[in-house]
Amino acid sequence: MRWFILSIFLVATVTVKAQHCPWDCSGMILLHSNVEKEQVYKLEPVLVDENKKIIVDSLYGTGKPTFDTCNFLYYDDFLAYRTKRIEWHYWYGYDTVYHFAAGNYVVKLNYCKYSDQKIYLRLREPYTSETRYRYIEIPNSSLLHLHEYNNMIRERETAAMKEAIKGAVIEMNCEKWMLRKEDCK
């Protein structure tokens, strides 16, 4: 009888584990811009919630410091950061296959938690000596639920993925970054 119960438990465990998608509740926002990366980073772009608090993306239950501030990073920097974080938890490895995001600024967040809330891109005002911020509301249509695209991500269908999400990518020109034209190239 013990073996029978153990067998049922093992089958149930393997079945449940096999059905899990690494992108359940995984959200992403992409910004595209021709402004130099150094200029963008001076603005300290970060995602904040409706109370203007910085959003932190977390892997819960790891017992390790897997809390990531939602700074917008250029794809190459995002990839390098997530690759380094694999040493903390293997789950970060799933964040190294977003080839469709190349050439954009990327932020990951919990889709299920924030899909029904207002969220904002917070930027540091560039031409003031004191720290002041401006907020740009992120349209809900720009919040990608990666679970919806998991087959394309798994199969590395980069071109198809770019086509599927092109309407969600937020275009950021010099004016939207609050920069003077002479500071943009």
Protein backbone atom coordinates (compact mmCIF):
# COMPACT_ATOMS: atom_id res chain seq x y z
CA MET A 1 0.00 0.00 0.00
CA ARG A 2 2.86 2.38 0.80
CA TRP A 3 4.37 1.82 -2.65
CA PHE A 4 1.03 2.54 -4.29
CA ILE A 5 0.64 5.84 -2.42
CA LEU A 6 4.25 6.74 -3.13
CA SER A 7 3.74 5.97 -6.83
CA ILE A 8 0.66 8.20 -7.01
CA PHE A 9 2.55 10.98 -5.23
CA LEU A 10 5.49 10.74 -7.67
CA VAL A 11 3.24 10.73 -10.74
CA ALA A 12 1.32 13.75 -9.44
CA THR A 13 4.53 15.62 -8.60
CA VAL A 14 6.12 14.96 -12.00
CA THR A 15 2.90 15.90 -13.82
CA VAL A 16 2.52 19.17 -11.94
CA LYS A 17 6.16 20.09 -12.42
CA ALA A 18 6.04 19.29 -16.13
CA GLN A 19 3.07 21.59 -16.66
CA HIS A 20 4.66 24.65 -15.05
CA CYS A 21 5.61 27.50 -17.38
CA PRO A 22 8.56 29.68 -16.33
CA TRP A 23 6.75 32.74 -17.70
CA ASP A 24 3.53 32.43 -15.67
CA CYS A 25 2.81 35.93 -14.33
CA SER A 26 6.05 37.18 -15.88
CA GLY A 27 5.65 40.63 -17.38
CA MET A 28 7.91 42.77 -19.52
CA ILE A 29 7.96 46.32 -20.81
CA LEU A 30 10.15 47.41 -23.71
CA LEU A 31 11.24 50.92 -24.60
CA HIS A 32 12.86 51.72 -27.94
CA SER A 33 14.99 54.80 -28.41
CA ASN A 34 17.76 56.19 -30.57
CA VAL A 35 19.06 58.30 -27.67
CA GLU A 36 22.53 57.28 -26.49
CA LYS A 37 22.49 54.77 -23.65
CA GLU A 38 24.68 56.98 -21.44
CA GLN A 39 22.14 59.82 -21.75
CA VAL A 40 19.27 57.49 -20.88
CA TYR A 41 21.03 56.03 -17.85
CA LYS A 42 21.65 59.55 -16.47
CA LEU A 43 17.86 59.85 -16.23
CA GLU A 44 17.71 56.78 -13.96
CA PRO A 45 14.69 55.19 -15.68
CA VAL A 46 12.83 52.94 -13.27
CA LEU A 47 9.35 51.47 -13.06
CA VAL A 48 7.12 52.68 -10.22
CA ASP A 49 3.64 51.75 -9.06
CA GLU A 50 0.56 53.97 -8.75
CA ASN A 51 1.88 55.24 -5.38
CA LYS A 52 5.16 56.23 -7.09
CA LYS A 53 7.08 53.51 -5.19
CA ILE A 54 9.81 51.67 -7.07
CA ILE A 55 8.67 48.23 -8.19
CA VAL A 56 10.85 45.30 -7.20
CA ASP A 57 10.61 42.02 -9.10
CA SER A 58 11.19 39.02 -6.85
CA LEU A 59 11.76 35.31 -6.98
CA TYR A 60 10.06 34.18 -3.78
CA GLY A 61 11.05 31.16 -1.73
CA THR A 62 14.65 30.98 -2.88
CA GLY A 63 16.19 31.90 0.46
CA LYS A 64 18.55 34.15 -1.48
CA PRO A 65 18.55 37.88 -2.32
CA THR A 66 16.54 37.50 -5.52
CA PHE A 67 14.94 40.93 -5.42
CA ASP A 68 15.53 43.03 -8.52
CA THR A 69 14.72 46.72 -8.74
CA CYS A 70 12.82 47.41 -11.96
CA ASN A 71 15.40 49.65 -13.59
CA PHE A 72 15.09 49.88 -17.35
CA LEU A 73 18.29 48.38 -18.75
CA TYR A 74 19.47 48.29 -22.31
CA TYR A 75 19.06 44.70 -23.53
CA ASP A 76 22.80 43.89 -23.51
CA ASP A 77 23.07 45.13 -19.90
CA PHE A 78 19.86 43.31 -18.91
CA LEU A 79 21.23 40.08 -20.38
CA ALA A 80 24.58 40.48 -18.60
CA TYR A 81 22.84 41.22 -15.28
CA ARG A 82 20.47 38.24 -15.53
CA THR A 83 23.27 35.91 -16.63
CA LYS A 84 25.31 36.90 -13.58
CA ARG A 85 22.27 36.34 -11.33
CA ILE A 86 22.07 32.68 -12.41
CA GLU A 87 24.67 31.98 -9.73
CA TRP A 88 22.01 33.03 -7.19
CA HIS A 89 19.19 30.99 -8.72
CA TYR A 90 18.83 28.94 -11.88
CA TRP A 91 15.47 30.59 -12.63
CA TYR A 92 17.32 33.67 -13.95
CA GLY A 93 18.43 31.48 -16.86
CA TYR A 94 14.94 31.88 -18.32
CA ASP A 95 15.66 35.60 -18.63
CA THR A 96 18.53 34.99 -21.05
CA VAL A 97 16.40 33.98 -24.05
CA TYR A 98 14.67 37.27 -24.87
CA HIS A 99 16.47 37.82 -28.17
CA PHE A 100 13.40 39.64 -29.46
CA ALA A 101 14.17 42.45 -27.00
CA ALA A 102 17.60 43.24 -28.46
CA GLY A 103 17.98 46.94 -29.22
CA ASN A 104 15.45 47.96 -26.56
CA TYR A 105 15.41 48.91 -22.91
CA VAL A 106 13.92 46.10 -20.85
CA VAL A 107 12.25 45.75 -17.49
CA LYS A 108 10.65 42.63 -15.99
CA LEU A 109 7.92 42.63 -13.39
CA ASN A 110 5.11 40.53 -11.99
CA TYR A 111 2.37 40.72 -14.62
CA CYS A 112 -0.34 39.30 -12.36
CA LYS A 113 0.34 41.85 -9.64
CA TYR A 114 0.55 44.95 -11.84
CA SER A 115 -1.69 44.30 -14.86
CA ASP A 116 -4.66 45.98 -13.18
CA GLN A 117 -2.72 48.91 -11.70
CA LYS A 118 -1.35 52.11 -13.11
CA ILE A 119 2.40 51.94 -13.48
CA TYR A 120 4.83 54.63 -14.52
CA LEU A 121 8.25 55.17 -15.99
CA ARG A 122 10.01 57.50 -13.54
CA LEU A 123 12.73 59.74 -14.94
CA ARG A 124 15.09 62.05 -13.14
CA GLU A 125 14.78 65.57 -14.52
CA PRO A 126 17.99 66.18 -16.47
CA TYR A 127 18.46 69.94 -16.16
CA THR A 128 18.11 70.65 -12.48
CA SER A 129 20.65 70.46 -9.67
CA GLU A 130 18.10 69.07 -7.23
CA THR A 131 16.60 65.63 -7.55
CA ARG A 132 13.18 65.87 -9.18
CA TYR A 133 11.28 63.25 -11.10
CA ARG A 134 8.80 63.12 -13.94
CA TYR A 135 6.39 60.25 -14.47
CA ILE A 136 5.17 58.80 -17.73
CA GLU A 137 2.22 56.43 -17.47
CA ILE A 138 2.81 53.07 -19.09
CA PRO A 139 -0.23 52.05 -21.14
CA ASN A 140 -1.64 48.67 -20.14
CA SER A 141 -1.29 47.60 -23.78
CA SER A 142 2.50 47.87 -23.41
CA LEU A 143 2.68 45.39 -20.52
CA LEU A 144 3.54 42.05 -22.08
CA HIS A 145 2.51 38.82 -20.37
CA LEU A 146 5.36 36.55 -21.44
CA HIS A 147 3.25 33.48 -20.72
CA GLU A 148 1.18 34.34 -23.80
CA TYR A 149 4.32 34.08 -25.91
CA ASN A 150 5.99 31.11 -24.20
CA ASN A 151 6.01 28.87 -27.29
CA MET A 152 7.70 31.54 -29.41
CA ILE A 153 10.21 32.22 -26.63
CA ARG A 154 11.01 28.52 -26.17
CA GLU A 155 11.40 27.96 -29.92
CA ARG A 156 13.52 31.13 -30.28
CA GLU A 157 11.15 32.51 -32.92
CA THR A 158 12.68 35.96 -32.69
CA ALA A 159 11.22 37.44 -35.89
CA ALA A 160 7.72 36.17 -35.11
CA MET A 161 7.98 37.47 -31.55
CA LYS A 162 9.12 40.92 -32.71
CA GLU A 163 6.17 41.06 -35.08
CA ALA A 164 3.72 39.92 -32.40
CA ILE A 165 4.78 42.57 -29.88
CA LYS A 166 5.68 45.51 -32.11
CA GLY A 167 2.58 47.48 -31.10
CA ALA A 168 3.48 47.14 -27.42
CA VAL A 169 6.99 48.61 -27.66
CA ILE A 170 7.04 52.20 -26.38
CA GLU A 171 8.91 54.64 -28.62
CA MET A 172 10.97 57.14 -26.64
CA ASN A 173 12.36 60.09 -28.57
CA CYS A 174 14.48 62.95 -27.25
CA GLU A 175 11.44 64.97 -26.20
CA LYS A 176 9.86 62.11 -24.27
CA TRP A 177 13.12 61.63 -22.37
CA MET A 178 12.90 65.38 -21.53
CA LEU A 179 16.24 66.03 -23.24
CA ARG A 180 17.24 68.97 -25.38
CA LYS A 181 17.74 68.23 -29.05
CA GLU A 182 21.43 69.15 -28.83
CA ASP A 183 21.87 66.45 -26.16
CA CYS A 184 20.47 63.76 -28.48
CA LYS A 185 22.30 62.19 -31.37
